[in-house]
């Protein structure tokens, strides 16, 4: 006989039965959407899979990505220097040096004035 102050009877369910297994259709939808939209992350892919009617967690999308070796592809990194050699500032002599400095000043009217000082 349960005690009246103990509250409702709690039955523990094994972990394997508590979490539903992801269906093969959901996993194939995750892979198909990830390959179709390579710039999308796991959260957006999860939303698209949910819209298609498959129930799964975001961690399921991450697990399928790990198993399939999928990653988010971003835009390629731009070069840090100009690609044409004429655009580079070069020295003409042994002790030739350049100094560039940018100065931003705010006037009393509130406008910003930008200066670029070049010393060579």
PDB file of N, CA and C in Angstrom:
ATOM      1  N   UNK A   1       0.849  -1.179   0.000  1.00  0.00           N
ATOM      2  CA  UNK A   1       0.000   0.000   0.000  1.00  0.00           C
ATOM      3  C   UNK A   1       0.893   1.238   0.000  1.00  0.00           C
ATOM      4  N   UNK A   2       0.768   2.109  -1.034  1.00  0.00           N
ATOM      5  CA  UNK A   2       1.595   3.314  -1.063  1.00  0.00           C
ATOM      6  C   UNK A   2       1.179   4.291   0.034  1.00  0.00           C
ATOM      7  N   UNK A   3       2.124   5.053   0.490  1.00  0.00           N
ATOM      8  CA  UNK A   3       1.859   6.037   1.525  1.00  0.00           C
ATOM      9  C   UNK A   3       1.178   7.259   0.908  1.00  0.00           C
ATOM     10  N   UNK A   4       0.247   7.888   1.604  1.00  0.00           N
ATOM     11  CA  UNK A   4      -0.483   9.000   0.997  1.00  0.00           C
ATOM     12  C   UNK A   4       0.390  10.221   0.718  1.00  0.00           C
ATOM     13  N   UNK A   5       1.460  10.414   1.438  1.00  0.00           N
ATOM     14  CA  UNK A   5       2.312  11.581   1.229  1.00  0.00           C
ATOM     15  C   UNK A   5       3.455  11.313   0.248  1.00  0.00           C
ATOM     16  N   UNK A   6       3.572  10.083  -0.247  1.00  0.00           N
ATOM     17  CA  UNK A   6       4.687   9.709  -1.102  1.00  0.00           C
ATOM     18  C   UNK A   6       4.505  10.180  -2.544  1.00  0.00           C
ATOM     19  N   UNK A   7       3.302  10.531  -2.952  1.00  0.00           N
ATOM     20  CA  UNK A   7       3.075  10.986  -4.314  1.00  0.00           C
ATOM     21  C   UNK A   7       2.773   9.824  -5.238  1.00  0.00           C
ATOM     22  N   UNK A   8       2.669  10.086  -6.521  1.00  0.00           N
ATOM     23  CA  UNK A   8       2.323   9.014  -7.465  1.00  0.00           C
ATOM     24  C   UNK A   8       3.470   8.021  -7.617  1.00  0.00           C
ATOM     25  N   UNK A   9       3.090   6.817  -8.005  1.00  0.00           N
ATOM     26  CA  UNK A   9       4.066   5.758  -8.203  1.00  0.00           C
ATOM     27  C   UNK A   9       4.818   6.009  -9.513  1.00  0.00           C
ATOM     28  N   UNK A  10       6.146   5.998  -9.462  1.00  0.00           N
ATOM     29  CA  UNK A  10       6.982   6.261 -10.629  1.00  0.00           C
ATOM     30  C   UNK A  10       7.572   4.955 -11.111  1.00  0.00           C
ATOM     31  N   UNK A  11       7.397   4.673 -12.384  1.00  0.00           N
ATOM     32  CA  UNK A  11       7.947   3.464 -12.970  1.00  0.00           C
ATOM     33  C   UNK A  11       9.086   3.871 -13.886  1.00  0.00           C
ATOM     34  N   UNK A  12      10.252   3.302 -13.695  1.00  0.00           N
ATOM     35  CA  UNK A  12      11.413   3.614 -14.539  1.00  0.00           C
ATOM     36  C   UNK A  12      11.358   2.749 -15.792  1.00  0.00           C
ATOM     37  N   UNK A  13      11.627   3.399 -16.916  1.00  0.00           N
ATOM     38  CA  UNK A  13      11.672   2.709 -18.201  1.00  0.00           C
ATOM     39  C   UNK A  13      13.136   2.604 -18.598  1.00  0.00           C
ATOM     40  N   UNK A  14      13.593   1.453 -19.095  1.00  0.00           N
ATOM     41  CA  UNK A  14      14.988   1.349 -19.536  1.00  0.00           C
ATOM     42  C   UNK A  14      15.308   2.393 -20.604  1.00  0.00           C
ATOM     43  N   UNK A  15      16.576   2.818 -20.634  1.00  0.00           N
ATOM     44  CA  UNK A  15      16.992   3.891 -21.531  1.00  0.00           C
ATOM     45  C   UNK A  15      16.763   3.534 -23.000  1.00  0.00           C
ATOM     46  N   UNK A  16      16.956   2.269 -23.364  1.00  0.00           N
ATOM     47  CA  UNK A  16      16.782   1.869 -24.760  1.00  0.00           C
ATOM     48  C   UNK A  16      15.330   2.018 -25.193  1.00  0.00           C
ATOM     49  N   UNK A  17      14.400   1.760 -24.294  1.00  0.00           N
ATOM     50  CA  UNK A  17      12.989   1.863 -24.652  1.00  0.00           C
ATOM     51  C   UNK A  17      12.480   3.292 -24.539  1.00  0.00           C
ATOM     52  N   UNK A  18      13.137   4.131 -23.737  1.00  0.00           N
ATOM     53  CA  UNK A  18      12.672   5.498 -23.543  1.00  0.00           C
ATOM     54  C   UNK A  18      12.896   6.345 -24.785  1.00  0.00           C
ATOM     55  N   UNK A  19      14.026   6.178 -25.451  1.00  0.00           N
ATOM     56  CA  UNK A  19      14.333   6.958 -26.636  1.00  0.00           C
ATOM     57  C   UNK A  19      13.993   6.141 -27.871  1.00  0.00           C
ATOM     58  N   UNK A  20      13.154   6.705 -28.716  1.00  0.00           N
ATOM     59  CA  UNK A  20      12.781   6.004 -29.936  1.00  0.00           C
ATOM     60  C   UNK A  20      13.939   5.984 -30.916  1.00  0.00           C
ATOM     61  N   UNK A  21      14.084   4.887 -31.613  1.00  0.00           N
ATOM     62  CA  UNK A  21      15.158   4.783 -32.599  1.00  0.00           C
ATOM     63  C   UNK A  21      14.810   5.659 -33.799  1.00  0.00           C
ATOM     64  N   UNK A  22      15.802   6.284 -34.364  1.00  0.00           N
ATOM     65  CA  UNK A  22      15.591   7.124 -35.535  1.00  0.00           C
ATOM     66  C   UNK A  22      15.313   6.231 -36.740  1.00  0.00           C
ATOM     67  N   UNK A  23      14.300   6.596 -37.480  1.00  0.00           N
ATOM     68  CA  UNK A  23      13.946   5.772 -38.629  1.00  0.00           C
ATOM     69  C   UNK A  23      14.974   5.959 -39.749  1.00  0.00           C
ATOM     70  N   UNK A  24      15.035   4.961 -40.595  1.00  0.00           N
ATOM     71  CA  UNK A  24      15.956   5.020 -41.736  1.00  0.00           C
ATOM     72  C   UNK A  24      15.537   6.129 -42.698  1.00  0.00           C
ATOM     73  N   UNK A  25      14.229   6.393 -42.769  1.00  0.00           N
ATOM     74  CA  UNK A  25      13.757   7.461 -43.654  1.00  0.00           C
ATOM     75  C   UNK A  25      14.231   8.821 -43.149  1.00  0.00           C
ATOM     76  N   UNK A  26      14.219   9.016 -41.828  1.00  0.00           N
ATOM     77  CA  UNK A  26      14.694  10.285 -41.268  1.00  0.00           C
ATOM     78  C   UNK A  26      16.189  10.453 -41.512  1.00  0.00           C
ATOM     79  N   UNK A  27      16.957   9.385 -41.327  1.00  0.00           N
ATOM     80  CA  UNK A  27      18.397   9.467 -41.553  1.00  0.00           C
ATOM     81  C   UNK A  27      18.716   9.738 -43.022  1.00  0.00           C
ATOM     82  N   UNK A  28      17.976   9.100 -43.928  1.00  0.00           N
ATOM     83  CA  UNK A  28      18.214   9.362 -45.350  1.00  0.00           C
ATOM     84  C   UNK A  28      17.792  10.780 -45.724  1.00  0.00           C
ATOM     85  N   UNK A  29      16.754  11.312 -45.073  1.00  0.00           N
ATOM     86  CA  UNK A  29      16.351  12.701 -45.323  1.00  0.00           C
ATOM     87  C   UNK A  29      17.415  13.664 -44.825  1.00  0.00           C
ATOM     88  N   UNK A  30      18.027  13.357 -43.674  1.00  0.00           N
ATOM     89  CA  UNK A  30      19.102  14.199 -43.139  1.00  0.00           C
ATOM     90  C   UNK A  30      20.275  14.239 -44.111  1.00  0.00           C
ATOM     91  N   UNK A  31      20.671  13.068 -44.613  1.00  0.00           N
ATOM     92  CA  UNK A  31      21.807  12.999 -45.541  1.00  0.00           C
ATOM     93  C   UNK A  31      21.473  13.717 -46.845  1.00  0.00           C
ATOM     94  N   UNK A  32      20.257  13.515 -47.361  1.00  0.00           N
ATOM     95  CA  UNK A  32      19.879  14.142 -48.636  1.00  0.00           C
ATOM     96  C   UNK A  32      19.836  15.661 -48.509  1.00  0.00           C
ATOM     97  N   UNK A  33      19.251  16.164 -47.423  1.00  0.00           N
ATOM     98  CA  UNK A  33      19.178  17.613 -47.242  1.00  0.00           C
ATOM     99  C   UNK A  33      20.557  18.216 -46.997  1.00  0.00           C
ATOM    100  N   UNK A  34      21.413  17.492 -46.286  1.00  0.00           N
ATOM    101  CA  UNK A  34      22.760  18.005 -46.022  1.00  0.00           C
ATOM    102  C   UNK A  34      23.582  18.080 -47.293  1.00  0.00           C
ATOM    103  N   UNK A  35      23.390  17.148 -48.185  1.00  0.00           N
ATOM    104  CA  UNK A  35      24.116  17.190 -49.453  1.00  0.00           C
ATOM    105  C   UNK A  35      23.521  18.232 -50.403  1.00  0.00           C
ATOM    106  N   UNK A  36      22.211  18.455 -50.310  1.00  0.00           N
ATOM    107  CA  UNK A  36      21.566  19.443 -51.174  1.00  0.00           C
ATOM    108  C   UNK A  36      21.902  20.869 -50.730  1.00  0.00           C
ATOM    109  N   UNK A  37      21.968  21.092 -49.415  1.00  0.00           N
ATOM    110  CA  UNK A  37      22.272  22.413 -48.868  1.00  0.00           C
ATOM    111  C   UNK A  37      23.554  22.317 -48.031  1.00  0.00           C
ATOM    112  N   UNK A  38      24.721  22.351 -48.650  1.00  0.00           N
ATOM    113  CA  UNK A  38      25.963  22.142 -47.900  1.00  0.00           C
ATOM    114  C   UNK A  38      26.321  23.298 -46.972  1.00  0.00           C
ATOM    115  N   UNK A  39      25.724  24.487 -47.151  1.00  0.00           N
ATOM    116  CA  UNK A  39      26.037  25.621 -46.286  1.00  0.00           C
ATOM    117  C   UNK A  39      25.157  25.660 -45.041  1.00  0.00           C
ATOM    118  N   UNK A  40      24.163  24.789 -44.956  1.00  0.00           N
ATOM    119  CA  UNK A  40      23.258  24.786 -43.808  1.00  0.00           C
ATOM    120  C   UNK A  40      23.897  24.043 -42.647  1.00  0.00           C
ATOM    121  N   UNK A  41      23.649  24.509 -41.439  1.00  0.00           N
ATOM    122  CA  UNK A  41      24.136  23.850 -40.234  1.00  0.00           C
ATOM    123  C   UNK A  41      23.147  22.806 -39.732  1.00  0.00           C
ATOM    124  N   UNK A  42      23.499  22.162 -38.609  1.00  0.00           N
ATOM    125  CA  UNK A  42      22.658  21.072 -38.103  1.00  0.00           C
ATOM    126  C   UNK A  42      21.306  21.582 -37.614  1.00  0.00           C
ATOM    127  N   UNK A  43      21.226  22.818 -37.141  1.00  0.00           N
ATOM    128  CA  UNK A  43      19.945  23.335 -36.653  1.00  0.00           C
ATOM    129  C   UNK A  43      18.967  23.562 -37.806  1.00  0.00           C
ATOM    130  N   UNK A  44      19.472  24.115 -38.892  1.00  0.00           N
ATOM    131  CA  UNK A  44      18.585  24.368 -40.030  1.00  0.00           C
ATOM    132  C   UNK A  44      18.193  23.066 -40.710  1.00  0.00           C
ATOM    133  N   UNK A  45      19.124  22.127 -40.814  1.00  0.00           N
ATOM    134  CA  UNK A  45      18.794  20.813 -41.386  1.00  0.00           C
ATOM    135  C   UNK A  45      17.749  20.125 -40.515  1.00  0.00           C
ATOM    136  N   UNK A  46      17.891  20.254 -39.182  1.00  0.00           N
ATOM    137  CA  UNK A  46      16.907  19.659 -38.270  1.00  0.00           C
ATOM    138  C   UNK A  46      15.523  20.261 -38.514  1.00  0.00           C
ATOM    139  N   UNK A  47      15.446  21.581 -38.724  1.00  0.00           N
ATOM    140  CA  UNK A  47      14.166  22.228 -38.991  1.00  0.00           C
ATOM    141  C   UNK A  47      13.555  21.728 -40.303  1.00  0.00           C
ATOM    142  N   UNK A  48      14.381  21.552 -41.321  1.00  0.00           N
ATOM    143  CA  UNK A  48      13.875  21.056 -42.605  1.00  0.00           C
ATOM    144  C   UNK A  48      13.376  19.613 -42.484  1.00  0.00           C
ATOM    145  N   UNK A  49      14.085  18.807 -41.717  1.00  0.00           N
ATOM    146  CA  UNK A  49      13.657  17.416 -41.526  1.00  0.00           C
ATOM    147  C   UNK A  49      12.336  17.372 -40.766  1.00  0.00           C
ATOM    148  N   UNK A  50      12.188  18.242 -39.762  1.00  0.00           N
ATOM    149  CA  UNK A  50      10.933  18.307 -39.012  1.00  0.00           C
ATOM    150  C   UNK A  50       9.784  18.745 -39.919  1.00  0.00           C
ATOM    151  N   UNK A  51      10.058  19.699 -40.833  1.00  0.00           N
ATOM    152  CA  UNK A  51       9.002  20.149 -41.747  1.00  0.00           C
ATOM    153  C   UNK A  51       8.553  19.042 -42.687  1.00  0.00           C
ATOM    154  N   UNK A  52       9.469  18.121 -43.005  1.00  0.00           N
ATOM    155  CA  UNK A  52       9.103  17.001 -43.869  1.00  0.00           C
ATOM    156  C   UNK A  52       8.301  15.940 -43.127  1.00  0.00           C
ATOM    157  N   UNK A  53       8.173  16.080 -41.806  1.00  0.00           N
ATOM    158  CA  UNK A  53       7.342  15.155 -41.044  1.00  0.00           C
ATOM    159  C   UNK A  53       8.107  14.091 -40.281  1.00  0.00           C
ATOM    160  N   UNK A  54       9.427  14.135 -40.283  1.00  0.00           N
ATOM    161  CA  UNK A  54      10.229  13.162 -39.537  1.00  0.00           C
ATOM    162  C   UNK A  54      10.512  13.711 -38.142  1.00  0.00           C
ATOM    163  N   UNK A  55      10.334  12.905 -37.120  1.00  0.00           N
ATOM    164  CA  UNK A  55      10.619  13.324 -35.749  1.00  0.00           C
ATOM    165  C   UNK A  55      12.022  12.866 -35.378  1.00  0.00           C
ATOM    166  N   UNK A  56      12.874  13.821 -35.043  1.00  0.00           N
ATOM    167  CA  UNK A  56      14.212  13.496 -34.579  1.00  0.00           C
ATOM    168  C   UNK A  56      14.751  14.683 -33.806  1.00  0.00           C
ATOM    169  N   UNK A  57      15.768  14.458 -33.019  1.00  0.00           N
ATOM    170  CA  UNK A  57      16.390  15.525 -32.238  1.00  0.00           C
ATOM    171  C   UNK A  57      17.550  16.132 -33.017  1.00  0.00           C
ATOM    172  N   UNK A  58      17.986  17.324 -32.578  1.00  0.00           N
ATOM    173  CA  UNK A  58      19.140  17.939 -33.233  1.00  0.00           C
ATOM    174  C   UNK A  58      20.394  17.101 -33.040  1.00  0.00           C
ATOM    175  N   UNK A  59      20.491  16.435 -31.893  1.00  0.00           N
ATOM    176  CA  UNK A  59      21.655  15.580 -31.664  1.00  0.00           C
ATOM    177  C   UNK A  59      21.681  14.413 -32.644  1.00  0.00           C
ATOM    178  N   UNK A  60      20.506  13.997 -33.105  1.00  0.00           N
ATOM    179  CA  UNK A  60      20.451  12.936 -34.113  1.00  0.00           C
ATOM    180  C   UNK A  60      21.069  13.422 -35.421  1.00  0.00           C
ATOM    181  N   UNK A  61      20.791  14.662 -35.782  1.00  0.00           N
ATOM    182  CA  UNK A  61      21.374  15.226 -37.001  1.00  0.00           C
ATOM    183  C   UNK A  61      22.895  15.281 -36.858  1.00  0.00           C
ATOM    184  N   UNK A  62      23.371  15.689 -35.690  1.00  0.00           N
ATOM    185  CA  UNK A  62      24.821  15.739 -35.464  1.00  0.00           C
ATOM    186  C   UNK A  62      25.432  14.340 -35.533  1.00  0.00           C
ATOM    187  N   UNK A  63      24.754  13.341 -34.968  1.00  0.00           N
ATOM    188  CA  UNK A  63      25.271  11.971 -34.993  1.00  0.00           C
ATOM    189  C   UNK A  63      25.347  11.440 -36.420  1.00  0.00           C
ATOM    190  N   UNK A  64      24.308  11.700 -37.211  1.00  0.00           N
ATOM    191  CA  UNK A  64      24.307  11.245 -38.609  1.00  0.00           C
ATOM    192  C   UNK A  64      25.414  11.952 -39.385  1.00  0.00           C
ATOM    193  N   UNK A  65      25.622  13.237 -39.110  1.00  0.00           N
ATOM    194  CA  UNK A  65      26.712  13.956 -39.766  1.00  0.00           C
ATOM    195  C   UNK A  65      28.056  13.339 -39.449  1.00  0.00           C
ATOM    196  N   UNK A  66      28.277  12.975 -38.172  1.00  0.00           N
ATOM    197  CA  UNK A  66      29.551  12.341 -37.799  1.00  0.00           C
ATOM    198  C   UNK A  66      29.723  11.008 -38.503  1.00  0.00           C
ATOM    199  N   UNK A  67      28.655  10.216 -38.560  1.00  0.00           N
ATOM    200  CA  UNK A  67      28.739   8.898 -39.195  1.00  0.00           C
ATOM    201  C   UNK A  67      29.000   9.006 -40.693  1.00  0.00           C
ATOM    202  N   UNK A  68      28.404  10.007 -41.332  1.00  0.00           N
ATOM    203  CA  UNK A  68      28.541  10.160 -42.784  1.00  0.00           C
ATOM    204  C   UNK A  68      29.759  11.000 -43.173  1.00  0.00           C
ATOM    205  N   UNK A  69      30.402  11.635 -42.202  1.00  0.00           N
ATOM    206  CA  UNK A  69      31.549  12.482 -42.493  1.00  0.00           C
ATOM    207  C   UNK A  69      31.164  13.811 -43.128  1.00  0.00           C
ATOM    208  N   UNK A  70      29.975  14.310 -42.827  1.00  0.00           N
ATOM    209  CA  UNK A  70      29.496  15.560 -43.414  1.00  0.00           C
ATOM    210  C   UNK A  70      29.959  16.740 -42.573  1.00  0.00           C
ATOM    211  N   UNK A  71      30.188  17.875 -43.234  1.00  0.00           N
ATOM    212  CA  UNK A  71      30.568  19.117 -42.554  1.00  0.00           C
ATOM    213  C   UNK A  71      29.919  20.282 -43.284  1.00  0.00           C
ATOM    214  N   UNK A  72      29.821  21.402 -42.602  1.00  0.00           N
ATOM    215  CA  UNK A  72      29.305  22.611 -43.230  1.00  0.00           C
ATOM    216  C   UNK A  72      30.421  23.204 -44.080  1.00  0.00           C
ATOM    217  N   UNK A  73      30.105  23.496 -45.335  1.00  0.00           N
ATOM    218  CA  UNK A  73      31.094  24.118 -46.203  1.00  0.00           C
ATOM    219  C   UNK A  73      30.784  25.595 -46.283  1.00  0.00           C
ATOM    220  N   UNK A  74      31.779  26.422 -46.070  1.00  0.00           N
ATOM    221  CA  UNK A  74      31.611  27.861 -46.134  1.00  0.00           C
ATOM    222  C   UNK A  74      32.278  28.420 -47.362  1.00  0.00           C
ATOM    223  N   UNK A  75      32.170  29.725 -47.530  1.00  0.00           N
ATOM    224  CA  UNK A  75      32.856  30.327 -48.666  1.00  0.00           C
ATOM    225  C   UNK A  75      34.361  30.240 -48.484  1.00  0.00           C
ATOM    226  N   UNK A  76      35.071  30.195 -49.590  1.00  0.00           N
ATOM    227  CA  UNK A  76      36.517  30.091 -49.505  1.00  0.00           C
ATOM    228  C   UNK A  76      37.097  31.388 -48.944  1.00  0.00           C
ATOM    229  N   UNK A  77      38.217  31.278 -48.275  1.00  0.00           N
ATOM    230  CA  UNK A  77      38.848  32.435 -47.650  1.00  0.00           C
ATOM    231  C   UNK A  77      39.485  33.318 -48.706  1.00  0.00           C
ATOM    232  N   UNK A  78      39.246  34.607 -48.586  1.00  0.00           N
ATOM    233  CA  UNK A  78      39.835  35.543 -49.534  1.00  0.00           C
ATOM    234  C   UNK A  78      41.306  35.723 -49.219  1.00  0.00           C
ATOM    235  N   UNK A  79      42.122  36.026 -50.242  1.00  0.00           N
ATOM    236  CA  UNK A  79      43.536  36.260 -49.973  1.00  0.00           C
ATOM    237  C   UNK A  79      43.726  37.532 -49.151  1.00  0.00           C
ATOM    238  N   UNK A  80      44.738  37.539 -48.298  1.00  0.00           N
ATOM    239  CA  UNK A  80      44.976  38.675 -47.417  1.00  0.00           C
ATOM    240  C   UNK A  80      45.745  39.794 -48.107  1.00  0.00           C
ATOM    241  N   UNK A  81      46.393  39.509 -49.196  1.00  0.00           N
ATOM    242  CA  UNK A  81      47.126  40.550 -49.910  1.00  0.00           C
ATOM    243  C   UNK A  81      46.545  40.634 -51.320  1.00  0.00           C
ATOM    244  N   UNK A  82      46.756  41.729 -52.012  1.00  0.00           N
ATOM    245  CA  UNK A  82      46.230  41.832 -53.373  1.00  0.00           C
ATOM    246  C   UNK A  82      46.860  40.776 -54.284  1.00  0.00           C
ATOM    247  N   UNK A  83      46.093  40.195 -55.182  1.00  0.00           N
ATOM    248  CA  UNK A  83      46.627  39.147 -56.045  1.00  0.00           C
ATOM    249  C   UNK A  83      47.570  39.663 -57.126  1.00  0.00           C
ATOM    250  N   UNK A  84      47.550  40.970 -57.422  1.00  0.00           N
ATOM    251  CA  UNK A  84      48.438  41.497 -58.445  1.00  0.00           C
ATOM    252  C   UNK A  84      49.655  42.140 -57.786  1.00  0.00           C
ATOM    253  N   UNK A  85      50.848  41.898 -58.292  1.00  0.00           N
ATOM    254  CA  UNK A  85      52.058  42.395 -57.629  1.00  0.00           C
ATOM    255  C   UNK A  85      52.233  43.902 -57.732  1.00  0.00           C
ATOM    256  N   UNK A  86      51.585  44.575 -58.695  1.00  0.00           N
ATOM    257  CA  UNK A  86      51.746  46.018 -58.827  1.00  0.00           C
ATOM    258  C   UNK A  86      51.086  46.763 -57.681  1.00  0.00           C
ATOM    259  N   UNK A  87      50.159  46.167 -56.989  1.00  0.00           N
ATOM    260  CA  UNK A  87      49.432  46.845 -55.931  1.00  0.00           C
ATOM    261  C   UNK A  87      50.222  46.918 -54.629  1.00  0.00           C
ATOM    262  N   UNK A  88      51.268  46.155 -54.511  1.00  0.00           N
ATOM    263  CA  UNK A  88      52.071  46.185 -53.290  1.00  0.00           C
ATOM    264  C   UNK A  88      52.951  47.436 -53.256  1.00  0.00           C
ATOM    265  N   UNK A  89      53.128  47.973 -52.051  1.00  0.00           N
ATOM    266  CA  UNK A  89      54.016  49.112 -51.877  1.00  0.00           C
ATOM    267  C   UNK A  89      55.402  48.561 -51.593  1.00  0.00           C
ATOM    268  N   UNK A  90      56.353  48.906 -52.417  1.00  0.00           N
ATOM    269  CA  UNK A  90      57.698  48.382 -52.244  1.00  0.00           C
ATOM    270  C   UNK A  90      58.677  49.487 -51.885  1.00  0.00           C
ATOM    271  N   UNK A  91      59.779  49.093 -51.349  1.00  0.00           N
ATOM    272  CA  UNK A  91      60.819  50.076 -51.012  1.00  0.00           C
ATOM    273  C   UNK A  91      61.764  50.226 -52.200  1.00  0.00           C
ATOM    274  N   UNK A  92      62.288  51.461 -52.348  1.00  0.00           N
ATOM    275  CA  UNK A  92      63.191  51.726 -53.455  1.00  0.00           C
ATOM    276  C   UNK A  92      64.642  51.723 -53.020  1.00  0.00           C
ATOM    277  N   UNK A  93      64.896  51.960 -51.744  1.00  0.00           N
ATOM    278  CA  UNK A  93      66.263  52.022 -51.254  1.00  0.00           C
ATOM    279  C   UNK A  93      66.453  51.110 -50.058  1.00  0.00           C
ATOM    280  N   UNK A  94      67.668  51.080 -49.527  1.00  0.00           N
ATOM    281  CA  UNK A  94      68.005  50.209 -48.415  1.00  0.00           C
ATOM    282  C   UNK A  94      67.282  50.608 -47.135  1.00  0.00           C
ATOM    283  N   UNK A  95      67.231  51.911 -46.849  1.00  0.00           N
ATOM    284  CA  UNK A  95      66.601  52.376 -45.620  1.00  0.00           C
ATOM    285  C   UNK A  95      65.266  53.067 -45.886  1.00  0.00           C
ATOM    286  N   UNK A  96      64.613  52.689 -46.958  1.00  0.00           N
ATOM    287  CA  UNK A  96      63.329  53.284 -47.325  1.00  0.00           C
ATOM    288  C   UNK A  96      62.234  52.638 -46.482  1.00  0.00           C
ATOM    289  N   UNK A  97      61.438  53.459 -45.837  1.00  0.00           N
ATOM    290  CA  UNK A  97      60.362  52.941 -44.990  1.00  0.00           C
ATOM    291  C   UNK A  97      59.126  53.801 -45.170  1.00  0.00           C
ATOM    292  N   UNK A  98      57.974  53.182 -45.021  1.00  0.00           N
ATOM    293  CA  UNK A  98      56.713  53.878 -45.125  1.00  0.00           C
ATOM    294  C   UNK A  98      55.987  53.764 -43.795  1.00  0.00           C
ATOM    295  N   UNK A  99      55.278  54.812 -43.455  1.00  0.00           N
ATOM    296  CA  UNK A  99      54.465  54.795 -42.239  1.00  0.00           C
ATOM    297  C   UNK A  99      53.084  55.335 -42.602  1.00  0.00           C
ATOM    298  N   UNK A 100      52.044  54.541 -42.379  1.00  0.00           N
ATOM    299  CA  UNK A 100      50.669  54.947 -42.650  1.00  0.00           C
ATOM    300  C   UNK A 100      49.926  55.027 -41.322  1.00  0.00           C
ATOM    301  N   UNK A 101      49.124  56.086 -41.156  1.00  0.00           N
ATOM    302  CA  UNK A 101      48.366  56.245 -39.934  1.00  0.00           C
ATOM    303  C   UNK A 101      47.011  56.831 -40.285  1.00  0.00           C
ATOM    304  N   UNK A 102      45.967  56.274 -39.716  1.00  0.00           N
ATOM    305  CA  UNK A 102      44.628  56.814 -39.948  1.00  0.00           C
ATOM    306  C   UNK A 102      44.146  57.475 -38.670  1.00  0.00           C
ATOM    307  N   UNK A 103      43.543  58.654 -38.832  1.00  0.00           N
ATOM    308  CA  UNK A 103      43.066  59.445 -37.703  1.00  0.00           C
ATOM    309  C   UNK A 103      41.588  59.741 -37.930  1.00  0.00           C
ATOM    310  N   UNK A 104      40.781  59.517 -36.914  1.00  0.00           N
ATOM    311  CA  UNK A 104      39.355  59.823 -36.970  1.00  0.00           C
ATOM    312  C   UNK A 104      39.070  60.899 -35.924  1.00  0.00           C
ATOM    313  N   UNK A 105      38.504  62.004 -36.361  1.00  0.00           N
ATOM    314  CA  UNK A 105      38.158  63.099 -35.458  1.00  0.00           C
ATOM    315  C   UNK A 105      36.678  63.405 -35.611  1.00  0.00           C
ATOM    316  N   UNK A 106      36.026  63.757 -34.500  1.00  0.00           N
ATOM    317  CA  UNK A 106      34.621  64.128 -34.506  1.00  0.00           C
ATOM    318  C   UNK A 106      34.534  65.628 -34.255  1.00  0.00           C
ATOM    319  N   UNK A 107      33.841  66.335 -35.136  1.00  0.00           N
ATOM    320  CA  UNK A 107      33.704  67.777 -34.996  1.00  0.00           C
ATOM    321  C   UNK A 107      32.625  68.104 -33.976  1.00  0.00           C
ATOM    322  N   UNK A 108      32.505  69.398 -33.639  1.00  0.00           N
ATOM    323  CA  UNK A 108      31.469  69.809 -32.689  1.00  0.00           C
ATOM    324  C   UNK A 108      30.078  69.631 -33.264  1.00  0.00           C
ATOM    325  N   UNK A 109      29.972  69.620 -34.595  1.00  0.00           N
ATOM    326  CA  UNK A 109      28.681  69.394 -35.245  1.00  0.00           C
ATOM    327  C   UNK A 109      28.289  67.917 -35.243  1.00  0.00           C
ATOM    328  N   UNK A 110      29.245  67.030 -34.898  1.00  0.00           N
ATOM    329  CA  UNK A 110      28.939  65.605 -34.847  1.00  0.00           C
ATOM    330  C   UNK A 110      29.375  64.817 -36.056  1.00  0.00           C
ATOM    331  N   UNK A 111      29.948  65.468 -37.064  1.00  0.00           N
ATOM    332  CA  UNK A 111      30.413  64.741 -38.243  1.00  0.00           C
ATOM    333  C   UNK A 111      31.813  64.177 -37.983  1.00  0.00           C
ATOM    334  N   UNK A 112      32.131  63.101 -38.665  1.00  0.00           N
ATOM    335  CA  UNK A 112      33.420  62.453 -38.498  1.00  0.00           C
ATOM    336  C   UNK A 112      34.330  62.822 -39.661  1.00  0.00           C
ATOM    337  N   UNK A 113      35.547  63.215 -39.345  1.00  0.00           N
ATOM    338  CA  UNK A 113      36.555  63.528 -40.356  1.00  0.00           C
ATOM    339  C   UNK A 113      37.620  62.441 -40.297  1.00  0.00           C
ATOM    340  N   UNK A 114      37.979  61.910 -41.446  1.00  0.00           N
ATOM    341  CA  UNK A 114      38.969  60.830 -41.502  1.00  0.00           C
ATOM    342  C   UNK A 114      40.218  61.340 -42.217  1.00  0.00           C
ATOM    343  N   UNK A 115      41.380  61.139 -41.596  1.00  0.00           N
ATOM    344  CA  UNK A 115      42.657  61.540 -42.178  1.00  0.00           C
ATOM    345  C   UNK A 115      43.519  60.307 -42.389  1.00  0.00           C
ATOM    346  N   UNK A 116      44.235  60.296 -43.481  1.00  0.00           N
ATOM    347  CA  UNK A 116      45.252  59.271 -43.710  1.00  0.00           C
ATOM    348  C   UNK A 116      46.570  59.982 -43.883  1.00  0.00           C
ATOM    349  N   UNK A 117      47.477  59.796 -42.932  1.00  0.00           N
ATOM    350  CA  UNK A 117      48.794  60.438 -43.002  1.00  0.00           C
ATOM    351  C   UNK A 117      49.800  59.424 -43.507  1.00  0.00           C
ATOM    352  N   UNK A 118      50.594  59.839 -44.475  1.00  0.00           N
ATOM    353  CA  UNK A 118      51.602  58.975 -45.078  1.00  0.00           C
ATOM    354  C   UNK A 118      52.960  59.622 -44.886  1.00  0.00           C
ATOM    355  N   UNK A 119      53.893  58.909 -44.284  1.00  0.00           N
ATOM    356  CA  UNK A 119      55.256  59.397 -44.104  1.00  0.00           C
ATOM    357  C   UNK A 119      56.188  58.440 -44.806  1.00  0.00           C
ATOM    358  N   UNK A 120      57.068  58.997 -45.596  1.00  0.00           N
ATOM    359  CA  UNK A 120      57.933  58.114 -46.331  1.00  0.00           C
ATOM    360  C   UNK A 120      59.369  58.548 -46.360  1.00  0.00           C
TER     361      UNK A 120
END
